[in-house]
Amino acid sequence: MRVEQFLRNSAQSFGNKIALVAGPKRLTFAEIDVMSDRLATALLAKGVLRGDRVIVFMDNCWEAVVAIFAVLKAGAVFCPVNPSTKSQKLAYILNNCQAGAIITQGRLLPVADTATAATAPGVLKVVASSGNQGDLGNGTSFEGAVAKGNPTTLPDPGIEIDLAMLIYTSGSTGFPKGVMMTHQNIVAAAGSITTYLENTADDVILGVLPISFDYGLYQVFMAAKVGARLVLEKSFAFPHAVIQKMLAEGVTGFPIVPTMAALLLHMKDLKPGALPHLRYITNTAAALPPAFIARLRALFPDAQLYSMYGLTECKRCTWLPPMQLDQRPTSVGIAIPGTQAFVVDEQGRNLGAGEVGELVIRGPHVMKGYWQNPEATARALRPGPYPWERQLHTGDLFRTDENGYLYFVGRMDDIIKTRGEKVSPKEIENILYALPGIREAVVVGVSDPVLGKAIKAVVAVQPGANITDKDIQRHCARHLEDFMVPKCVEFRDELPKTDTGKISRRRVEEVMEAAE
């Protein structure tokens, strides 16, 4: 099966059902299906070829959903790019993937124009909400494309092993890497996730995370696959408004990241039972501190909480069955259905319970590699137990317990060596979050002439919280070995975030390095 078949099947089974709510716009499955057919027809008529890369440079809007399915129906490859991306990085992506077209919005057109002028002046632009932008040059109106009459019969778009998506992720060299995902990869991942979440057509799923981020993007695919409704919001910047929208729409599925959890838990007027339809909450991007888990469960007592772990190169790796939360609150669970996950040493040998090593993933959801980057591909995809496969080496350190449940220890390059000991920042951060009043926390290593690296905690506290560095150090000393207690503490109003809302350890470290 190809990904666009999710939409076609739901349009056939649930044609007149509301599929998407985006602001005031409400679209049925049939309407999205027809509009994406029309846009696919327009793309082909403008010269987009099967296999071409088409950048979708848009925020969380109904047009982005239509655009993604249209690109797939045209037999092309969609490349989602965060709308906050600046022209220099967008130009790099355009040039790297040799894009045939870019679909964007009027407010983002100046960024797109600057990027294309530097790298691809002839690239096709499809612009939504162009307003008074005037002459679109080598562009076409999104609204005009989707409003035209009945689309012509589309040519065969290809098969499931064809590339469906090219999604760029941060690279260690400073240049983003294009992760190649086939239709088969996406269908396998979406099928596995909707299986353990037990999604049905009765679900109403909130989509508040950027659809340029695979966690947000897959809410689109999962809803289309099962015939569920997707309530699309642009961000979680105004949580009270989003909560009201969730209540009004009867949201049953709530995907979050830890920074969203922190906002929820500090909403004083949000009481248990405020979202009576909520069936489940999912978390990934970074592990939830145990203190957050306990408070979320108290706030949403009737919702199942799923702790998960994933990375762009395979979408999702693990999930923790909610009934295991009490026994294993810090675990990210077991391999998702239809896949395998295990921990190995530097020689690739499987490790036993309690031993720390690299997490390795097997399954049909593993990427095909990095676009035009054979060296990085060879490092990530290595020979497996059988001659026909390549396994994904995640670069993340994990351990298992005696029952095979997995625990995230840290990124291999995040581990801090201090006083001859290896320290996981995540372990200290979990303790920091257990201190009342801590809103955000990250732990980094800073140069020290005696220790090699000294532990430093960088925190943001709740307004009105009277917490000192000594309070934090005493709290850590009660719960951690002495070599893990932060030697110094820095207070900030807010910690830097990635485009996906995850606290950016790298940006914290860069500021410190610049100050040295």
Protein backbone atom coordinates (compact mmCIF):
# COMPACT_ATOMS: atom_id res chain seq x y z
CA MET A 1 0.00 0.00 0.00
CA ARG A 2 1.05 3.59 -0.69
CA VAL A 3 0.45 6.36 1.84
CA GLU A 4 -2.11 8.29 -0.23
CA GLN A 5 -4.30 5.18 -0.12
CA PHE A 6 -5.04 6.03 3.52
CA LEU A 7 -6.96 9.07 2.31
CA ARG A 8 -8.59 7.34 -0.65
CA ASN A 9 -9.86 4.50 1.57
CA SER A 10 -11.26 6.85 4.21
CA ALA A 11 -12.87 9.03 1.54
CA GLN A 12 -14.62 5.93 0.24
CA SER A 13 -15.68 4.68 3.69
CA PHE A 14 -16.32 7.99 5.50
CA GLY A 15 -16.71 10.48 2.64
CA ASN A 16 -19.00 13.01 4.33
CA LYS A 17 -17.39 12.76 7.77
CA ILE A 18 -15.39 15.76 9.02
CA ALA A 19 -11.75 14.73 8.65
CA LEU A 20 -9.95 17.97 9.44
CA VAL A 21 -10.61 20.98 11.64
CA ALA A 22 -8.13 23.82 11.12
CA GLY A 23 -9.25 27.10 12.65
CA PRO A 24 -12.69 27.84 11.19
CA LYS A 25 -12.13 25.45 8.26
CA ARG A 26 -13.85 22.06 8.44
CA LEU A 27 -13.18 19.58 5.63
CA THR A 28 -14.56 16.12 4.96
CA PHE A 29 -12.49 13.19 3.77
CA ALA A 30 -14.16 13.49 0.35
CA GLU A 31 -13.28 17.18 0.07
CA ILE A 32 -9.61 16.61 0.96
CA ASP A 33 -9.48 13.72 -1.51
CA VAL A 34 -10.88 15.80 -4.38
CA MET A 35 -8.76 18.88 -3.61
CA SER A 36 -5.57 16.84 -3.40
CA ASP A 37 -6.47 15.21 -6.74
CA ARG A 38 -6.86 18.66 -8.27
CA LEU A 39 -3.56 19.90 -6.87
CA ALA A 40 -1.78 16.73 -8.02
CA THR A 41 -3.17 17.35 -11.51
CA ALA A 42 -1.89 20.94 -11.42
CA LEU A 43 1.57 19.86 -10.25
CA LEU A 44 1.87 17.35 -13.09
CA ALA A 45 0.62 19.92 -15.61
CA LYS A 46 3.31 22.35 -14.40
CA GLY A 47 6.07 19.82 -15.03
CA VAL A 48 6.50 17.97 -11.72
CA LEU A 49 7.67 14.46 -12.53
CA ARG A 50 7.35 11.16 -10.72
CA GLY A 51 10.10 10.99 -8.09
CA ASP A 52 10.64 14.77 -8.00
CA ARG A 53 11.14 16.30 -4.57
CA VAL A 54 8.51 18.88 -3.60
CA ILE A 55 9.11 21.03 -0.53
CA VAL A 56 6.08 21.74 1.67
CA PHE A 57 7.06 24.95 3.48
CA MET A 58 3.92 25.71 5.49
CA ASP A 59 2.61 25.96 9.02
CA ASN A 60 -0.11 23.73 10.51
CA CYS A 61 -2.91 24.59 8.06
CA TRP A 62 -5.43 22.67 6.01
CA GLU A 63 -3.53 23.55 2.84
CA ALA A 64 -0.46 21.65 4.11
CA VAL A 65 -2.50 18.47 4.56
CA VAL A 66 -3.92 18.76 1.05
CA ALA A 67 -0.45 19.50 -0.32
CA ILE A 68 1.17 16.42 1.21
CA PHE A 69 -1.42 14.05 -0.22
CA ALA A 70 -1.32 15.84 -3.58
CA VAL A 71 2.44 15.41 -3.90
CA LEU A 72 2.10 11.69 -3.15
CA LYS A 73 -0.76 11.28 -5.65
CA ALA A 74 1.47 12.90 -8.29
CA GLY A 75 4.07 10.20 -7.63
CA ALA A 76 6.49 12.77 -6.20
CA VAL A 77 8.31 12.94 -2.85
CA PHE A 78 7.23 15.49 -0.25
CA CYS A 79 9.78 17.27 1.90
CA PRO A 80 8.27 19.04 4.94
CA VAL A 81 10.18 22.09 6.18
CA ASN A 82 9.42 24.00 9.37
CA PRO A 83 7.90 27.42 8.66
CA SER A 84 10.39 29.09 11.03
CA THR A 85 13.29 27.97 8.81
CA LYS A 86 15.38 30.86 7.53
CA SER A 87 16.27 31.41 3.89
CA GLN A 88 19.87 30.18 4.18
CA LYS A 89 18.86 26.77 5.52
CA LEU A 90 15.92 26.53 3.11
CA ALA A 91 18.31 27.27 0.25
CA TYR A 92 20.57 24.45 1.43
CA ILE A 93 17.64 22.00 1.45
CA LEU A 94 16.40 23.15 -1.96
CA ASN A 95 19.85 22.66 -3.43
CA ASN A 96 20.60 19.41 -1.61
CA CYS A 97 17.43 17.60 -2.70
CA GLN A 98 17.27 19.37 -6.10
CA ALA A 99 13.64 20.23 -5.51
CA GLY A 100 11.27 20.43 -8.45
CA ALA A 101 8.72 22.60 -6.65
CA ILE A 102 7.95 24.34 -3.37
CA ILE A 103 4.46 24.72 -1.90
CA THR A 104 4.25 27.60 0.56
CA GLN A 105 2.09 30.41 1.96
CA GLY A 106 1.97 34.09 1.13
CA ARG A 107 3.49 35.15 4.44
CA LEU A 108 6.45 32.80 3.84
CA LEU A 109 6.96 33.77 0.21
CA PRO A 110 9.73 36.34 0.91
CA VAL A 111 11.80 33.61 2.62
CA ALA A 112 11.06 31.18 -0.21
CA ASP A 113 11.92 33.79 -2.85
CA THR A 114 15.27 34.56 -1.20
CA ALA A 115 16.12 30.86 -0.93
CA THR A 116 15.12 29.98 -4.49
CA ALA A 117 16.89 33.00 -5.97
CA ALA A 118 20.16 31.71 -4.55
CA THR A 119 19.77 28.08 -5.57
CA ALA A 120 16.83 27.34 -7.86
CA PRO A 121 15.45 30.45 -9.59
CA GLY A 122 13.34 28.36 -11.96
CA VAL A 123 11.69 26.15 -9.35
CA LEU A 124 7.88 25.99 -9.44
CA LYS A 125 6.19 27.83 -6.57
CA VAL A 126 2.65 27.03 -5.48
CA VAL A 127 1.47 29.73 -3.08
CA ALA A 128 -1.50 29.58 -0.70
CA SER A 129 -3.11 32.69 0.82
CA SER A 130 -1.05 34.92 -1.48
CA GLY A 131 -3.32 37.89 -0.78
CA ASN A 132 -1.83 41.05 -2.26
CA GLN A 133 1.48 39.50 -3.18
CA GLY A 134 0.93 40.58 -6.77
CA ASP A 135 2.75 38.77 -9.56
CA LEU A 136 3.82 35.31 -8.37
CA GLY A 137 6.44 35.03 -11.12
CA ASN A 138 7.18 31.37 -11.68
CA GLY A 139 4.34 30.49 -9.36
CA THR A 140 0.74 29.42 -9.26
CA SER A 141 -2.12 29.97 -6.87
CA PHE A 142 -2.85 27.11 -4.48
CA GLU A 143 -6.49 28.18 -4.20
CA GLY A 144 -6.83 28.32 -7.96
CA ALA A 145 -5.39 24.82 -8.33
CA VAL A 146 -7.68 23.17 -5.79
CA ALA A 147 -10.83 25.02 -6.89
CA LYS A 148 -10.84 23.95 -10.53
CA GLY A 149 -13.42 21.41 -11.72
CA ASN A 150 -13.12 17.65 -11.80
CA PRO A 151 -9.50 16.47 -11.91
CA THR A 152 -8.32 14.34 -14.77
CA THR A 153 -7.45 10.71 -14.13
CA LEU A 154 -4.06 10.68 -12.47
CA PRO A 155 -1.32 8.42 -13.85
CA ASP A 156 -0.03 5.47 -11.84
CA PRO A 157 2.03 7.10 -9.06
CA GLY A 158 4.26 4.09 -8.37
CA ILE A 159 4.58 1.33 -5.79
CA GLU A 160 5.20 1.03 -2.06
CA ILE A 161 8.99 0.77 -2.25
CA ASP A 162 9.19 4.20 -3.90
CA LEU A 163 10.39 7.14 -1.88
CA ALA A 164 7.49 9.00 -0.22
CA MET A 165 9.20 11.50 2.05
CA LEU A 166 12.51 13.25 2.47
CA ILE A 167 12.62 14.82 5.93
CA TYR A 168 15.65 16.75 7.11
CA THR A 169 17.12 16.26 10.55
CA SER A 170 19.99 18.03 12.31
CA GLY A 171 23.44 16.76 11.41
CA SER A 172 26.61 16.67 13.51
CA THR A 173 28.43 18.62 10.79
CA GLY A 174 26.00 21.52 11.08
CA PHE A 175 24.27 20.62 7.80
CA PRO A 176 20.89 18.85 8.00
CA LYS A 177 20.63 15.32 6.62
CA GLY A 178 17.75 14.19 4.43
CA VAL A 179 16.17 11.02 5.83
CA MET A 180 14.73 8.88 3.01
CA MET A 181 11.43 7.16 3.90
CA THR A 182 9.53 4.97 1.47
CA HIS A 183 5.77 4.42 1.37
CA GLN A 184 6.44 1.02 2.91
CA ASN A 185 8.34 2.65 5.81
CA ILE A 186 5.52 5.09 6.58
CA VAL A 187 2.71 2.55 6.19
CA ALA A 188 4.51 0.11 8.50
CA ALA A 189 5.12 2.76 11.17
CA ALA A 190 1.60 4.17 11.03
CA GLY A 191 0.10 0.67 11.17
CA SER A 192 2.20 -0.31 14.17
CA ILE A 193 1.43 2.86 16.14
CA THR A 194 -2.31 2.83 15.49
CA THR A 195 -2.32 -0.82 16.60
CA TYR A 196 -0.94 -0.22 20.10
CA LEU A 197 -2.86 3.05 20.52
CA GLU A 198 -6.01 1.18 19.41
CA ASN A 199 -7.03 4.05 17.15
CA THR A 200 -10.44 3.88 15.46
CA ALA A 201 -12.65 6.11 13.35
CA ASP A 202 -14.23 7.36 16.60
CA ASP A 203 -11.00 9.08 17.66
CA VAL A 204 -10.50 12.85 17.53
CA ILE A 205 -6.76 13.57 17.49
CA LEU A 206 -5.14 16.88 18.35
CA GLY A 207 -2.42 18.00 15.95
CA VAL A 208 -0.61 20.85 17.69
CA LEU A 209 2.96 19.76 16.98
CA PRO A 210 4.45 20.98 13.68
CA ILE A 211 3.62 18.72 10.75
CA SER A 212 7.18 19.41 9.59
CA PHE A 213 8.18 17.28 12.62
CA ASP A 214 7.52 13.57 12.13
CA TYR A 215 5.62 13.26 15.43
CA GLY A 216 3.18 15.92 14.27
CA LEU A 217 3.16 14.66 10.68
CA TYR A 218 2.18 11.14 11.65
CA GLN A 219 -0.97 12.42 13.36
CA VAL A 220 -2.10 13.35 9.83
CA PHE A 221 -1.32 9.90 8.48
CA MET A 222 -2.76 7.99 11.44
CA ALA A 223 -6.03 9.93 11.35
CA ALA A 224 -6.37 9.35 7.60
CA LYS A 225 -5.55 5.66 8.01
CA VAL A 226 -8.30 4.89 10.53
CA GLY A 227 -10.84 7.53 9.48
CA ALA A 228 -10.39 9.65 12.63
CA ARG A 229 -10.80 13.42 12.86
CA LEU A 230 -7.71 15.62 13.13
CA VAL A 231 -7.97 18.94 14.98
CA LEU A 232 -5.04 20.96 13.67
CA GLU A 233 -3.67 23.86 15.73
CA LYS A 234 -0.73 26.07 14.79
CA SER A 235 1.06 25.79 18.14
CA PHE A 236 0.70 25.36 21.90
CA ALA A 237 1.70 28.98 22.57
CA PHE A 238 -1.77 29.68 23.99
CA PRO A 239 -2.56 26.52 25.94
CA HIS A 240 -5.86 27.78 27.38
CA ALA A 241 -7.27 28.33 23.89
CA VAL A 242 -6.07 24.89 22.76
CA ILE A 243 -7.65 23.22 25.80
CA GLN A 244 -10.95 24.94 25.04
CA LYS A 245 -10.75 23.73 21.43
CA MET A 246 -10.02 20.18 22.64
CA LEU A 247 -13.07 20.31 24.90
CA ALA A 248 -15.33 21.67 22.15
CA GLU A 249 -14.20 19.05 19.61
CA GLY A 250 -14.21 16.12 22.06
CA VAL A 251 -10.52 15.31 21.55
CA THR A 252 -9.62 11.71 22.49
CA GLY A 253 -5.91 11.64 21.52
CA PHE A 254 -3.37 14.18 22.80
CA PRO A 255 0.25 13.91 21.53
CA ILE A 256 2.65 15.99 23.65
CA VAL A 257 6.34 16.65 24.25
CA PRO A 258 7.85 17.41 27.70
CA THR A 259 7.81 21.19 27.25
CA MET A 260 4.05 20.99 26.59
CA ALA A 261 3.66 18.85 29.70
CA ALA A 262 5.41 21.55 31.74
CA LEU A 263 2.94 24.16 30.46
CA LEU A 264 -0.05 21.93 31.22
CA LEU A 265 1.12 21.19 34.74
CA HIS A 266 1.51 24.88 35.52
CA MET A 267 -2.02 25.81 34.42
CA LYS A 268 -3.60 26.58 37.79
CA ASP A 269 -7.19 26.50 36.51
CA LEU A 270 -6.85 23.11 34.77
CA LYS A 271 -8.53 20.57 37.01
CA PRO A 272 -8.90 16.76 36.83
CA GLY A 273 -11.76 15.84 34.50
CA ALA A 274 -11.40 19.02 32.40
CA LEU A 275 -11.16 16.91 29.21
CA PRO A 276 -13.79 14.19 29.71
CA HIS A 277 -13.40 12.65 26.25
CA LEU A 278 -9.63 12.23 26.46
CA ARG A 279 -8.69 8.56 25.96
CA TYR A 280 -4.91 8.72 25.66
CA ILE A 281 -1.86 10.96 25.88
CA THR A 282 1.38 10.14 24.07
CA ASN A 283 4.84 11.53 24.68
CA THR A 284 8.05 11.32 22.67
CA ALA A 285 10.92 13.61 21.48
CA ALA A 286 12.37 13.39 25.01
CA ALA A 287 11.49 11.20 27.97
CA LEU A 288 9.05 12.59 30.51
CA PRO A 289 10.54 13.01 33.97
CA PRO A 290 8.83 10.64 36.46
CA ALA A 291 7.51 13.65 38.40
CA PHE A 292 5.70 14.83 35.25
CA ILE A 293 4.25 11.37 34.66
CA ALA A 294 2.74 11.21 38.14
CA ARG A 295 1.23 14.68 37.87
CA LEU A 296 -0.17 14.11 34.35
CA ARG A 297 -1.85 10.92 35.51
CA ALA A 298 -3.43 12.80 38.40
CA LEU A 299 -4.58 15.59 36.10
CA PHE A 300 -6.03 13.23 33.47
CA PRO A 301 -7.07 10.18 35.54
CA ASP A 302 -9.19 8.58 32.82
CA ALA A 303 -6.59 8.84 30.04
CA GLN A 304 -3.93 6.24 29.28
CA LEU A 305 -0.41 7.70 29.17
CA TYR A 306 1.98 6.23 26.60
CA SER A 307 5.69 6.89 27.10
CA MET A 308 7.45 6.37 23.77
CA TYR A 309 10.83 6.82 22.14
CA GLY A 310 11.58 7.49 18.51
CA LEU A 311 13.86 9.17 16.02
CA THR A 312 13.38 10.48 12.52
CA GLU A 313 15.32 7.59 10.97
CA CYS A 314 12.58 5.08 11.83
CA LYS A 315 9.76 7.23 13.21
CA ARG A 316 9.03 5.20 16.37
CA CYS A 317 11.21 2.69 18.20
CA THR A 318 9.50 1.79 21.47
CA TRP A 319 6.33 2.16 23.52
CA LEU A 320 5.52 1.43 27.15
CA PRO A 321 2.17 -0.29 27.75
CA PRO A 322 0.37 2.06 30.19
CA MET A 323 -0.22 -0.71 32.72
CA GLN A 324 3.57 -0.84 33.21
CA LEU A 325 3.88 2.81 34.29
CA ASP A 326 3.63 2.13 38.02
CA GLN A 327 6.27 -0.57 37.90
CA ARG A 328 8.58 1.08 35.33
CA PRO A 329 7.94 4.85 35.29
CA THR A 330 11.32 5.67 33.73
CA SER A 331 11.15 3.05 30.96
CA VAL A 332 10.31 3.83 27.34
CA GLY A 333 9.08 0.28 26.92
CA ILE A 334 9.49 -2.37 24.30
CA ALA A 335 9.83 -2.44 20.52
CA ILE A 336 6.71 -1.33 18.65
CA PRO A 337 4.68 -4.17 17.06
CA GLY A 338 6.36 -5.81 14.07
CA THR A 339 9.88 -4.62 14.94
CA GLN A 340 12.83 -5.45 17.17
CA ALA A 341 14.99 -3.30 19.47
CA PHE A 342 18.07 -4.42 21.39
CA VAL A 343 21.18 -3.06 23.08
CA VAL A 344 24.70 -3.86 21.82
CA ASP A 345 28.30 -3.13 22.78
CA GLU A 346 30.94 -1.52 20.54
CA GLN A 347 31.53 -4.87 18.81
CA GLY A 348 27.82 -5.32 18.07
CA ARG A 349 27.26 -8.05 20.67
CA ASN A 350 23.96 -8.15 22.53
CA LEU A 351 24.22 -6.96 26.13
CA GLY A 352 22.52 -8.33 29.20
CA ALA A 353 20.18 -6.64 31.67
CA GLY A 354 21.64 -3.53 33.27
CA GLU A 355 24.52 -3.14 30.80
CA VAL A 356 24.67 0.14 28.89
CA GLY A 357 25.16 0.11 25.13
CA GLU A 358 23.82 1.44 21.84
CA LEU A 359 20.21 0.86 20.85
CA VAL A 360 19.78 -0.95 17.52
CA ILE A 361 16.51 -1.19 15.58
CA ARG A 362 15.28 -3.77 13.06
CA GLY A 363 12.07 -3.50 11.09
CA PRO A 364 10.19 -2.33 7.99
CA HIS A 365 10.08 1.23 9.38
CA VAL A 366 13.85 1.78 9.16
CA MET A 367 14.87 4.48 6.66
CA LYS A 368 16.59 3.73 3.38
CA GLY A 369 19.45 6.07 4.23
CA TYR A 370 20.45 9.72 4.09
CA TRP A 371 19.95 11.55 0.80
CA GLN A 372 23.24 11.79 -1.13
CA ASN A 373 25.25 11.05 2.01
CA PRO A 374 26.69 7.53 1.75
CA GLU A 375 29.19 8.08 4.59
CA ALA A 376 26.52 9.00 7.14
CA THR A 377 24.29 6.21 5.80
CA ALA A 378 27.04 3.64 6.32
CA ARG A 379 27.51 4.77 9.93
CA ALA A 380 23.80 4.51 10.73
CA LEU A 381 22.78 1.46 8.68
CA ARG A 382 25.05 -1.50 9.32
CA PRO A 383 24.87 -5.21 8.47
CA GLY A 384 22.40 -7.19 10.54
CA PRO A 385 22.16 -10.87 11.43
CA TYR A 386 21.00 -11.71 7.89
CA PRO A 387 22.79 -10.85 4.64
CA TRP A 388 19.79 -9.06 3.12
CA GLU A 389 19.29 -6.40 5.78
CA ARG A 390 20.75 -3.30 7.37
CA GLN A 391 20.03 -2.40 10.99
CA LEU A 392 19.68 1.12 12.36
CA HIS A 393 22.30 2.11 14.93
CA THR A 394 20.63 4.95 16.76
CA GLY A 395 23.60 6.59 18.49
CA ASP A 396 21.61 6.50 21.73
CA LEU A 397 22.68 4.72 24.91
CA PHE A 398 20.17 2.38 26.53
CA ARG A 399 19.95 -0.42 29.05
CA THR A 400 17.34 -3.10 29.64
CA ASP A 401 15.90 -4.52 32.85
CA GLU A 402 15.56 -8.23 33.59
CA ASN A 403 12.25 -8.35 31.68
CA GLY A 404 13.63 -6.70 28.56
CA TYR A 405 12.11 -3.23 29.06
CA LEU A 406 14.27 -0.44 27.68
CA TYR A 407 15.59 2.65 29.47
CA PHE A 408 17.08 5.70 27.77
CA VAL A 409 20.47 6.65 29.25
CA GLY A 410 21.52 9.45 26.89
CA ARG A 411 22.95 10.35 23.53
CA MET A 412 26.38 8.81 23.04
CA ASP A 413 27.83 12.30 22.55
CA ASP A 414 25.92 13.76 25.55
CA ILE A 415 27.58 11.61 28.21
CA ILE A 416 29.67 13.71 30.61
CA LYS A 417 32.93 12.32 31.95
CA THR A 418 33.68 13.83 35.36
CA ARG A 419 36.10 12.63 38.04
CA GLY A 420 36.68 9.52 35.95
CA GLU A 421 32.96 8.65 36.00
CA LYS A 422 30.48 8.61 33.11
CA VAL A 423 27.36 10.62 33.93
CA SER A 424 24.05 10.67 32.07
CA PRO A 425 22.58 14.20 32.03
CA LYS A 426 19.10 12.70 31.84
CA GLU A 427 19.46 11.03 35.23
CA ILE A 428 20.26 14.36 36.90
CA GLU A 429 17.53 16.17 34.98
CA ASN A 430 14.93 13.71 36.27
CA ILE A 431 15.97 14.58 39.82
CA LEU A 432 15.87 18.31 39.09
CA TYR A 433 12.31 18.06 37.79
CA ALA A 434 11.26 16.38 41.03
CA LEU A 435 12.06 19.59 42.92
CA PRO A 436 8.87 21.70 43.19
CA GLY A 437 9.23 24.98 41.33
CA ILE A 438 11.58 23.75 38.58
CA ARG A 439 9.92 24.44 35.23
CA GLU A 440 12.71 23.59 32.77
CA ALA A 441 16.10 21.98 33.28
CA VAL A 442 19.10 20.83 31.28
CA VAL A 443 22.44 19.47 32.49
CA VAL A 444 25.70 20.02 30.63
CA GLY A 445 29.40 19.50 31.18
CA VAL A 446 31.69 22.53 31.46
CA SER A 447 35.48 22.58 31.35
CA ASP A 448 37.19 22.21 34.73
CA PRO A 449 40.98 21.99 35.33
CA VAL A 450 40.56 19.40 38.08
CA LEU A 451 37.48 17.39 37.12
CA GLY A 452 37.94 17.48 33.34
CA LYS A 453 34.24 18.26 33.05
CA ALA A 454 32.13 19.70 35.84
CA ILE A 455 28.38 19.17 36.06
CA LYS A 456 26.35 22.32 35.48
CA ALA A 457 22.57 22.63 35.81
CA VAL A 458 20.78 25.30 33.79
CA VAL A 459 17.23 25.84 35.01
CA ALA A 460 14.14 27.99 34.64
CA VAL A 461 11.79 28.18 37.61
CA GLN A 462 8.12 28.90 38.03
CA PRO A 463 7.20 32.54 38.61
CA GLY A 464 7.36 33.26 42.32
CA ALA A 465 9.41 30.17 43.13
CA ASN A 466 12.09 31.03 45.69
CA ILE A 467 14.80 28.54 44.76
CA THR A 468 18.53 29.10 45.14
CA ASP A 469 21.51 27.24 43.73
CA LYS A 470 22.14 25.80 47.20
CA ASP A 471 18.55 24.45 47.31
CA ILE A 472 19.17 22.65 44.03
CA GLN A 473 22.52 21.24 45.09
CA ARG A 474 21.13 20.00 48.42
CA HIS A 475 18.17 18.39 46.63
CA CYS A 476 20.50 16.62 44.18
CA ALA A 477 22.83 15.51 46.99
CA ARG A 478 19.90 13.76 48.69
CA HIS A 479 19.14 11.71 45.59
CA LEU A 480 22.40 11.31 43.62
CA GLU A 481 25.98 10.15 44.04
CA ASP A 482 28.31 12.99 45.00
CA PHE A 483 30.03 13.10 41.60
CA MET A 484 26.64 13.72 39.94
CA VAL A 485 25.69 16.74 42.05
CA PRO A 486 25.93 19.94 39.96
CA LYS A 487 28.97 21.98 40.87
CA CYS A 488 27.26 25.12 39.59
CA VAL A 489 23.74 26.26 38.73
CA GLU A 490 22.64 28.91 36.25
CA PHE A 491 19.16 30.43 36.31
CA ARG A 492 17.46 31.59 33.12
CA ASP A 493 14.00 32.92 32.35
CA GLU A 494 13.59 30.28 29.66
CA LEU A 495 15.72 27.59 28.03
CA PRO A 496 16.27 27.52 24.25
CA LYS A 497 14.08 25.13 22.28
CA THR A 498 14.33 23.32 18.97
CA ASP A 499 11.67 23.82 16.29
CA THR A 500 9.87 20.81 17.76
CA GLY A 501 9.63 22.26 21.26
CA LYS A 502 12.41 20.14 22.75
CA ILE A 503 14.91 21.84 25.08
CA SER A 504 18.10 22.27 23.04
CA ARG A 505 21.13 21.04 24.98
CA ARG A 506 23.34 21.97 22.03
CA ARG A 507 22.25 25.62 22.04
CA VAL A 508 22.84 25.85 25.80
CA GLU A 509 26.34 24.46 25.28
CA GLU A 510 27.04 26.82 22.36
CA VAL A 511 26.22 29.87 24.50
CA MET A 512 28.57 28.62 27.23
CA GLU A 513 31.38 27.90 24.79
CA ALA A 514 31.06 31.39 23.32
CA ALA A 515 31.30 32.89 26.81
CA GLU A 516 34.50 30.98 27.70
